[in-house]
């Protein structure tokens, strides 16, 4: 992939067609911050090895989500969900 943004439908189609395949997901640096009794921010770094249209690439992302307990169940994203590509 060349920095293009894929929407949810295009992302699912790429996986479904086999154009995009993931061979490794390696999480690290997980951080959980309690914001309130019922709300937390969770951040995790994930290193991904993948192929898109036959071209291999290793990418490094940090995913951040805000979780909130609503009616006894955890819900996400409540306020934010953000994947950010980290620079090498």
PDB file of N, CA and C in Angstrom:
ATOM      1  N   UNK A   1       0.848  -1.171   0.000  1.00  0.00           N
ATOM      2  CA  UNK A   1       0.000   0.000   0.000  1.00  0.00           C
ATOM      3  C   UNK A   1       0.891   1.231   0.000  1.00  0.00           C
ATOM      4  N   UNK A   2       0.449   2.266  -0.607  1.00  0.00           N
ATOM      5  CA  UNK A   2       1.281   3.447  -0.789  1.00  0.00           C
ATOM      6  C   UNK A   2       0.751   4.646  -0.013  1.00  0.00           C
ATOM      7  N   UNK A   3       0.380   4.451   1.225  1.00  0.00           N
ATOM      8  CA  UNK A   3      -0.103   5.558   2.027  1.00  0.00           C
ATOM      9  C   UNK A   3      -1.547   5.918   1.786  1.00  0.00           C
ATOM     10  N   UNK A   4      -2.219   5.145   0.940  1.00  0.00           N
ATOM     11  CA  UNK A   4      -3.620   5.446   0.664  1.00  0.00           C
ATOM     12  C   UNK A   4      -4.487   5.077   1.858  1.00  0.00           C
ATOM     13  N   UNK A   5      -5.582   5.768   2.006  1.00  0.00           N
ATOM     14  CA  UNK A   5      -6.530   5.483   3.079  1.00  0.00           C
ATOM     15  C   UNK A   5      -7.619   4.576   2.534  1.00  0.00           C
ATOM     16  N   UNK A   6      -7.895   3.522   3.267  1.00  0.00           N
ATOM     17  CA  UNK A   6      -8.984   2.623   2.897  1.00  0.00           C
ATOM     18  C   UNK A   6     -10.115   2.796   3.890  1.00  0.00           C
ATOM     19  N   UNK A   7     -11.321   2.888   3.391  1.00  0.00           N
ATOM     20  CA  UNK A   7     -12.481   2.890   4.261  1.00  0.00           C
ATOM     21  C   UNK A   7     -12.766   1.466   4.706  1.00  0.00           C
ATOM     22  N   UNK A   8     -13.730   1.302   5.568  1.00  0.00           N
ATOM     23  CA  UNK A   8     -14.059  -0.010   6.120  1.00  0.00           C
ATOM     24  C   UNK A   8     -14.404  -1.012   5.017  1.00  0.00           C
ATOM     25  N   UNK A   9     -15.243  -0.610   4.059  1.00  0.00           N
ATOM     26  CA  UNK A   9     -15.655  -1.523   2.986  1.00  0.00           C
ATOM     27  C   UNK A   9     -14.468  -1.958   2.135  1.00  0.00           C
ATOM     28  N   UNK A  10     -13.607  -1.010   1.761  1.00  0.00           N
ATOM     29  CA  UNK A  10     -12.434  -1.335   0.945  1.00  0.00           C
ATOM     30  C   UNK A  10     -11.456  -2.225   1.711  1.00  0.00           C
ATOM     31  N   UNK A  11     -11.306  -1.972   3.008  1.00  0.00           N
ATOM     32  CA  UNK A  11     -10.429  -2.786   3.848  1.00  0.00           C
ATOM     33  C   UNK A  11     -10.939  -4.223   3.909  1.00  0.00           C
ATOM     34  N   UNK A  12     -12.233  -4.381   4.157  1.00  0.00           N
ATOM     35  CA  UNK A  12     -12.823  -5.727   4.212  1.00  0.00           C
ATOM     36  C   UNK A  12     -12.716  -6.430   2.861  1.00  0.00           C
ATOM     37  N   UNK A  13     -12.923  -5.696   1.770  1.00  0.00           N
ATOM     38  CA  UNK A  13     -12.821  -6.281   0.435  1.00  0.00           C
ATOM     39  C   UNK A  13     -11.389  -6.737   0.145  1.00  0.00           C
ATOM     40  N   UNK A  14     -10.395  -5.949   0.552  1.00  0.00           N
ATOM     41  CA  UNK A  14      -8.988  -6.314   0.339  1.00  0.00           C
ATOM     42  C   UNK A  14      -8.641  -7.595   1.084  1.00  0.00           C
ATOM     43  N   UNK A  15      -9.131  -7.720   2.322  1.00  0.00           N
ATOM     44  CA  UNK A  15      -8.908  -8.954   3.081  1.00  0.00           C
ATOM     45  C   UNK A  15      -9.637 -10.123   2.423  1.00  0.00           C
ATOM     46  N   UNK A  16     -10.889  -9.906   2.054  1.00  0.00           N
ATOM     47  CA  UNK A  16     -11.717 -10.969   1.473  1.00  0.00           C
ATOM     48  C   UNK A  16     -11.192 -11.490   0.152  1.00  0.00           C
ATOM     49  N   UNK A  17     -10.615 -10.614  -0.663  1.00  0.00           N
ATOM     50  CA  UNK A  17     -10.110 -11.011  -1.974  1.00  0.00           C
ATOM     51  C   UNK A  17      -8.721 -11.646  -1.896  1.00  0.00           C
ATOM     52  N   UNK A  18      -8.066 -11.496  -0.757  1.00  0.00           N
ATOM     53  CA  UNK A  18      -6.706 -12.007  -0.622  1.00  0.00           C
ATOM     54  C   UNK A  18      -5.648 -10.999  -1.038  1.00  0.00           C
ATOM     55  N   UNK A  19      -6.050  -9.816  -1.507  1.00  0.00           N
ATOM     56  CA  UNK A  19      -5.081  -8.786  -1.899  1.00  0.00           C
ATOM     57  C   UNK A  19      -4.262  -8.320  -0.697  1.00  0.00           C
ATOM     58  N   UNK A  20      -4.866  -8.344   0.483  1.00  0.00           N
ATOM     59  CA  UNK A  20      -4.189  -7.949   1.717  1.00  0.00           C
ATOM     60  C   UNK A  20      -4.170  -9.141   2.651  1.00  0.00           C
ATOM     61  N   UNK A  21      -2.973  -9.539   3.062  1.00  0.00           N
ATOM     62  CA  UNK A  21      -2.867 -10.628   4.038  1.00  0.00           C
ATOM     63  C   UNK A  21      -1.897 -10.215   5.138  1.00  0.00           C
ATOM     64  N   UNK A  22      -2.200 -10.626   6.350  1.00  0.00           N
ATOM     65  CA  UNK A  22      -1.384 -10.301   7.516  1.00  0.00           C
ATOM     66  C   UNK A  22      -0.751 -11.587   8.024  1.00  0.00           C
ATOM     67  N   UNK A  23       0.580 -11.572   8.169  1.00  0.00           N
ATOM     68  CA  UNK A  23       1.288 -12.765   8.638  1.00  0.00           C
ATOM     69  C   UNK A  23       1.761 -12.650  10.082  1.00  0.00           C
ATOM     70  N   UNK A  24       1.807 -11.428  10.617  1.00  0.00           N
ATOM     71  CA  UNK A  24       2.276 -11.243  11.998  1.00  0.00           C
ATOM     72  C   UNK A  24       1.644 -10.012  12.615  1.00  0.00           C
ATOM     73  N   UNK A  25       1.151 -10.175  13.836  1.00  0.00           N
ATOM     74  CA  UNK A  25       0.677  -9.070  14.677  1.00  0.00           C
ATOM     75  C   UNK A  25       1.399  -9.211  16.009  1.00  0.00           C
ATOM     76  N   UNK A  26       2.218  -8.235  16.352  1.00  0.00           N
ATOM     77  CA  UNK A  26       2.983  -8.317  17.584  1.00  0.00           C
ATOM     78  C   UNK A  26       2.695  -7.105  18.473  1.00  0.00           C
ATOM     79  N   UNK A  27       1.806  -7.291  19.475  1.00  0.00           N
ATOM     80  CA  UNK A  27       1.486  -6.170  20.363  1.00  0.00           C
ATOM     81  C   UNK A  27       2.591  -5.933  21.391  1.00  0.00           C
ATOM     82  N   UNK A  28       2.758  -4.678  21.786  1.00  0.00           N
ATOM     83  CA  UNK A  28       3.695  -4.302  22.847  1.00  0.00           C
ATOM     84  C   UNK A  28       3.262  -2.950  23.403  1.00  0.00           C
ATOM     85  N   UNK A  29       3.912  -2.522  24.440  1.00  0.00           N
ATOM     86  CA  UNK A  29       3.692  -1.195  25.023  1.00  0.00           C
ATOM     87  C   UNK A  29       2.213  -0.892  25.293  1.00  0.00           C
ATOM     88  N   UNK A  30       1.517  -1.836  25.888  1.00  0.00           N
ATOM     89  CA  UNK A  30       0.111  -1.591  26.238  1.00  0.00           C
ATOM     90  C   UNK A  30       0.046  -0.674  27.452  1.00  0.00           C
ATOM     91  N   UNK A  31      -0.810   0.315  27.358  1.00  0.00           N
ATOM     92  CA  UNK A  31      -0.991   1.261  28.453  1.00  0.00           C
ATOM     93  C   UNK A  31      -2.486   1.471  28.677  1.00  0.00           C
ATOM     94  N   UNK A  32      -2.910   1.361  29.917  1.00  0.00           N
ATOM     95  CA  UNK A  32      -4.315   1.583  30.281  1.00  0.00           C
ATOM     96  C   UNK A  32      -4.348   2.719  31.301  1.00  0.00           C
ATOM     97  N   UNK A  33      -5.118   3.751  30.972  1.00  0.00           N
ATOM     98  CA  UNK A  33      -5.262   4.890  31.890  1.00  0.00           C
ATOM     99  C   UNK A  33      -6.713   5.019  32.293  1.00  0.00           C
ATOM    100  N   UNK A  34      -6.966   4.923  33.573  1.00  0.00           N
ATOM    101  CA  UNK A  34      -8.316   5.098  34.089  1.00  0.00           C
ATOM    102  C   UNK A  34      -8.625   6.590  34.105  1.00  0.00           C
ATOM    103  N   UNK A  35      -9.667   6.966  33.383  1.00  0.00           N
ATOM    104  CA  UNK A  35     -10.064   8.367  33.294  1.00  0.00           C
ATOM    105  C   UNK A  35     -11.091   8.679  34.370  1.00  0.00           C
ATOM    106  N   UNK A  36     -12.060   7.790  34.518  1.00  0.00           N
ATOM    107  CA  UNK A  36     -13.090   7.854  35.556  1.00  0.00           C
ATOM    108  C   UNK A  36     -13.328   6.426  36.012  1.00  0.00           C
ATOM    109  N   UNK A  37     -14.179   6.243  36.979  1.00  0.00           N
ATOM    110  CA  UNK A  37     -14.479   4.904  37.488  1.00  0.00           C
ATOM    111  C   UNK A  37     -14.995   3.991  36.366  1.00  0.00           C
ATOM    112  N   UNK A  38     -15.717   4.552  35.393  1.00  0.00           N
ATOM    113  CA  UNK A  38     -16.333   3.743  34.335  1.00  0.00           C
ATOM    114  C   UNK A  38     -15.727   3.973  32.948  1.00  0.00           C
ATOM    115  N   UNK A  39     -14.595   4.697  32.864  1.00  0.00           N
ATOM    116  CA  UNK A  39     -14.022   5.059  31.564  1.00  0.00           C
ATOM    117  C   UNK A  39     -12.502   4.903  31.592  1.00  0.00           C
ATOM    118  N   UNK A  40     -11.946   4.286  30.522  1.00  0.00           N
ATOM    119  CA  UNK A  40     -10.504   4.101  30.431  1.00  0.00           C
ATOM    120  C   UNK A  40     -10.022   4.337  29.006  1.00  0.00           C
ATOM    121  N   UNK A  41      -8.805   4.832  28.897  1.00  0.00           N
ATOM    122  CA  UNK A  41      -8.131   4.971  27.600  1.00  0.00           C
ATOM    123  C   UNK A  41      -7.128   3.826  27.501  1.00  0.00           C
ATOM    124  N   UNK A  42      -7.171   3.106  26.386  1.00  0.00           N
ATOM    125  CA  UNK A  42      -6.268   1.981  26.170  1.00  0.00           C
ATOM    126  C   UNK A  42      -5.449   2.265  24.917  1.00  0.00           C
ATOM    127  N   UNK A  43      -4.136   2.139  25.040  1.00  0.00           N
ATOM    128  CA  UNK A  43      -3.232   2.364  23.920  1.00  0.00           C
ATOM    129  C   UNK A  43      -2.311   1.149  23.812  1.00  0.00           C
ATOM    130  N   UNK A  44      -2.102   0.667  22.575  1.00  0.00           N
ATOM    131  CA  UNK A  44      -1.200  -0.459  22.353  1.00  0.00           C
ATOM    132  C   UNK A  44      -0.452  -0.256  21.039  1.00  0.00           C
ATOM    133  N   UNK A  45       0.819  -0.577  21.057  1.00  0.00           N
ATOM    134  CA  UNK A  45       1.630  -0.540  19.837  1.00  0.00           C
ATOM    135  C   UNK A  45       1.555  -1.928  19.205  1.00  0.00           C
ATOM    136  N   UNK A  46       1.369  -1.985  17.876  1.00  0.00           N
ATOM    137  CA  UNK A  46       1.297  -3.270  17.180  1.00  0.00           C
ATOM    138  C   UNK A  46       2.182  -3.213  15.943  1.00  0.00           C
ATOM    139  N   UNK A  47       3.114  -4.144  15.867  1.00  0.00           N
ATOM    140  CA  UNK A  47       3.944  -4.287  14.678  1.00  0.00           C
ATOM    141  C   UNK A  47       3.290  -5.341  13.793  1.00  0.00           C
ATOM    142  N   UNK A  48       3.102  -4.989  12.528  1.00  0.00           N
ATOM    143  CA  UNK A  48       2.353  -5.824  11.595  1.00  0.00           C
ATOM    144  C   UNK A  48       3.233  -6.160  10.388  1.00  0.00           C
ATOM    145  N   UNK A  49       3.291  -7.444  10.050  1.00  0.00           N
ATOM    146  CA  UNK A  49       3.906  -7.880   8.797  1.00  0.00           C
ATOM    147  C   UNK A  49       2.762  -8.268   7.885  1.00  0.00           C
ATOM    148  N   UNK A  50       2.769  -7.720   6.657  1.00  0.00           N
ATOM    149  CA  UNK A  50       1.644  -7.948   5.758  1.00  0.00           C
ATOM    150  C   UNK A  50       2.120  -7.950   4.314  1.00  0.00           C
ATOM    151  N   UNK A  51       1.237  -8.374   3.443  1.00  0.00           N
ATOM    152  CA  UNK A  51       1.449  -8.275   1.997  1.00  0.00           C
ATOM    153  C   UNK A  51       0.220  -7.613   1.404  1.00  0.00           C
ATOM    154  N   UNK A  52       0.445  -6.675   0.501  1.00  0.00           N
ATOM    155  CA  UNK A  52      -0.650  -6.034  -0.233  1.00  0.00           C
ATOM    156  C   UNK A  52      -0.298  -6.119  -1.703  1.00  0.00           C
ATOM    157  N   UNK A  53      -1.165  -6.751  -2.467  1.00  0.00           N
ATOM    158  CA  UNK A  53      -0.938  -6.956  -3.904  1.00  0.00           C
ATOM    159  C   UNK A  53       0.420  -7.607  -4.144  1.00  0.00           C
ATOM    160  N   UNK A  54       0.778  -8.562  -3.275  1.00  0.00           N
ATOM    161  CA  UNK A  54       2.021  -9.305  -3.430  1.00  0.00           C
ATOM    162  C   UNK A  54       3.261  -8.625  -2.895  1.00  0.00           C
ATOM    163  N   UNK A  55       3.160  -7.391  -2.448  1.00  0.00           N
ATOM    164  CA  UNK A  55       4.310  -6.635  -1.946  1.00  0.00           C
ATOM    165  C   UNK A  55       4.360  -6.698  -0.417  1.00  0.00           C
ATOM    166  N   UNK A  56       5.448  -7.249   0.156  1.00  0.00           N
ATOM    167  CA  UNK A  56       5.554  -7.322   1.612  1.00  0.00           C
ATOM    168  C   UNK A  56       5.853  -5.956   2.233  1.00  0.00           C
ATOM    169  N   UNK A  57       5.378  -5.764   3.435  1.00  0.00           N
ATOM    170  CA  UNK A  57       5.649  -4.524   4.176  1.00  0.00           C
ATOM    171  C   UNK A  57       5.523  -4.793   5.669  1.00  0.00           C
ATOM    172  N   UNK A  58       6.421  -4.207   6.427  1.00  0.00           N
ATOM    173  CA  UNK A  58       6.328  -4.214   7.884  1.00  0.00           C
ATOM    174  C   UNK A  58       5.915  -2.814   8.303  1.00  0.00           C
ATOM    175  N   UNK A  59       4.866  -2.730   9.108  1.00  0.00           N
ATOM    176  CA  UNK A  59       4.375  -1.436   9.565  1.00  0.00           C
ATOM    177  C   UNK A  59       4.214  -1.451  11.077  1.00  0.00           C
ATOM    178  N   UNK A  60       4.258  -0.294  11.654  1.00  0.00           N
ATOM    179  CA  UNK A  60       4.218  -0.111  13.096  1.00  0.00           C
ATOM    180  C   UNK A  60       3.101   0.878  13.414  1.00  0.00           C
ATOM    181  N   UNK A  61       2.093   0.437  14.176  1.00  0.00           N
ATOM    182  CA  UNK A  61       0.951   1.270  14.512  1.00  0.00           C
ATOM    183  C   UNK A  61       0.806   1.401  16.016  1.00  0.00           C
ATOM    184  N   UNK A  62       0.147   2.463  16.440  1.00  0.00           N
ATOM    185  CA  UNK A  62      -0.339   2.584  17.810  1.00  0.00           C
ATOM    186  C   UNK A  62      -1.843   2.791  17.716  1.00  0.00           C
ATOM    187  N   UNK A  63      -2.593   1.913  18.366  1.00  0.00           N
ATOM    188  CA  UNK A  63      -4.046   1.992  18.396  1.00  0.00           C
ATOM    189  C   UNK A  63      -4.469   2.526  19.761  1.00  0.00           C
ATOM    190  N   UNK A  64      -5.372   3.486  19.752  1.00  0.00           N
ATOM    191  CA  UNK A  64      -5.890   4.061  20.992  1.00  0.00           C
ATOM    192  C   UNK A  64      -7.407   4.021  20.944  1.00  0.00           C
ATOM    193  N   UNK A  65      -8.013   3.548  22.023  1.00  0.00           N
ATOM    194  CA  UNK A  65      -9.475   3.514  22.128  1.00  0.00           C
ATOM    195  C   UNK A  65      -9.896   3.979  23.515  1.00  0.00           C
ATOM    196  N   UNK A  66     -11.063   4.589  23.552  1.00  0.00           N
ATOM    197  CA  UNK A  66     -11.675   4.968  24.822  1.00  0.00           C
ATOM    198  C   UNK A  66     -12.803   3.970  25.095  1.00  0.00           C
ATOM    199  N   UNK A  67     -12.733   3.327  26.243  1.00  0.00           N
ATOM    200  CA  UNK A  67     -13.746   2.343  26.650  1.00  0.00           C
ATOM    201  C   UNK A  67     -14.578   2.928  27.789  1.00  0.00           C
ATOM    202  N   UNK A  68     -15.864   2.588  27.800  1.00  0.00           N
ATOM    203  CA  UNK A  68     -16.760   3.056  28.856  1.00  0.00           C
ATOM    204  C   UNK A  68     -17.716   1.932  29.231  1.00  0.00           C
ATOM    205  N   UNK A  69     -17.950   1.789  30.515  1.00  0.00           N
ATOM    206  CA  UNK A  69     -18.916   0.798  30.990  1.00  0.00           C
ATOM    207  C   UNK A  69     -20.306   1.431  30.920  1.00  0.00           C
ATOM    208  N   UNK A  70     -21.196   0.807  30.144  1.00  0.00           N
ATOM    209  CA  UNK A  70     -22.565   1.283  29.964  1.00  0.00           C
ATOM    210  C   UNK A  70     -23.500   0.122  30.266  1.00  0.00           C
ATOM    211  N   UNK A  71     -24.370   0.301  31.224  1.00  0.00           N
ATOM    212  CA  UNK A  71     -25.314  -0.749  31.621  1.00  0.00           C
ATOM    213  C   UNK A  71     -24.594  -2.058  31.926  1.00  0.00           C
ATOM    214  N   UNK A  72     -23.438  -1.962  32.588  1.00  0.00           N
ATOM    215  CA  UNK A  72     -22.705  -3.145  33.004  1.00  0.00           C
ATOM    216  C   UNK A  72     -21.829  -3.784  31.938  1.00  0.00           C
ATOM    217  N   UNK A  73     -21.801  -3.223  30.718  1.00  0.00           N
ATOM    218  CA  UNK A  73     -20.986  -3.793  29.642  1.00  0.00           C
ATOM    219  C   UNK A  73     -19.997  -2.756  29.123  1.00  0.00           C
ATOM    220  N   UNK A  74     -18.795  -3.216  28.754  1.00  0.00           N
ATOM    221  CA  UNK A  74     -17.807  -2.311  28.182  1.00  0.00           C
ATOM    222  C   UNK A  74     -18.156  -2.004  26.738  1.00  0.00           C
ATOM    223  N   UNK A  75     -18.046  -0.745  26.374  1.00  0.00           N
ATOM    224  CA  UNK A  75     -18.338  -0.278  25.014  1.00  0.00           C
ATOM    225  C   UNK A  75     -17.141   0.491  24.470  1.00  0.00           C
ATOM    226  N   UNK A  76     -16.820   0.254  23.209  1.00  0.00           N
ATOM    227  CA  UNK A  76     -15.770   1.018  22.533  1.00  0.00           C
ATOM    228  C   UNK A  76     -16.070   1.037  21.051  1.00  0.00           C
ATOM    229  N   UNK A  77     -15.763   2.061  20.296  1.00  0.00           N
ATOM    230  CA  UNK A  77     -15.277   3.333  20.816  1.00  0.00           C
ATOM    231  C   UNK A  77     -16.430   4.191  21.300  1.00  0.00           C
ATOM    232  N   UNK A  78     -16.230   4.829  22.403  1.00  0.00           N
ATOM    233  CA  UNK A  78     -17.234   5.745  22.934  1.00  0.00           C
ATOM    234  C   UNK A  78     -16.945   7.162  22.439  1.00  0.00           C
ATOM    235  N   UNK A  79     -15.727   7.633  22.693  1.00  0.00           N
ATOM    236  CA  UNK A  79     -15.373   8.990  22.296  1.00  0.00           C
ATOM    237  C   UNK A  79     -14.361   9.008  21.165  1.00  0.00           C
ATOM    238  N   UNK A  80     -13.507   7.986  21.099  1.00  0.00           N
ATOM    239  CA  UNK A  80     -12.443   8.003  20.095  1.00  0.00           C
ATOM    240  C   UNK A  80     -11.895   6.622  19.839  1.00  0.00           C
ATOM    241  N   UNK A  81     -11.489   6.408  18.615  1.00  0.00           N
ATOM    242  CA  UNK A  81     -10.767   5.206  18.232  1.00  0.00           C
ATOM    243  C   UNK A  81      -9.811   5.643  17.136  1.00  0.00           C
ATOM    244  N   UNK A  82      -8.519   5.478  17.378  1.00  0.00           N
ATOM    245  CA  UNK A  82      -7.563   6.053  16.451  1.00  0.00           C
ATOM    246  C   UNK A  82      -6.378   5.138  16.207  1.00  0.00           C
ATOM    247  N   UNK A  83      -6.206   4.624  14.957  1.00  0.00           N
ATOM    248  CA  UNK A  83      -4.955   3.951  14.620  1.00  0.00           C
ATOM    249  C   UNK A  83      -3.988   4.977  14.038  1.00  0.00           C
ATOM    250  N   UNK A  84      -2.768   5.011  14.524  1.00  0.00           N
ATOM    251  CA  UNK A  84      -1.771   5.947  14.026  1.00  0.00           C
ATOM    252  C   UNK A  84      -0.517   5.181  13.606  1.00  0.00           C
ATOM    253  N   UNK A  85      -0.085   5.387  12.372  1.00  0.00           N
ATOM    254  CA  UNK A  85       1.127   4.735  11.894  1.00  0.00           C
ATOM    255  C   UNK A  85       2.326   5.458  12.481  1.00  0.00           C
ATOM    256  N   UNK A  86       3.229   4.677  13.092  1.00  0.00           N
ATOM    257  CA  UNK A  86       4.430   5.240  13.683  1.00  0.00           C
ATOM    258  C   UNK A  86       5.536   5.273  12.640  1.00  0.00           C
ATOM    259  N   UNK A  87       6.386   6.244  12.732  1.00  0.00           N
ATOM    260  CA  UNK A  87       7.523   6.363  11.801  1.00  0.00           C
ATOM    261  C   UNK A  87       8.646   5.444  12.267  1.00  0.00           C
ATOM    262  N   UNK A  88       9.353   4.878  11.309  1.00  0.00           N
ATOM    263  CA  UNK A  88      10.490   3.994  11.630  1.00  0.00           C
ATOM    264  C   UNK A  88      11.716   4.800  11.998  1.00  0.00           C
TER     265      UNK A  88
END
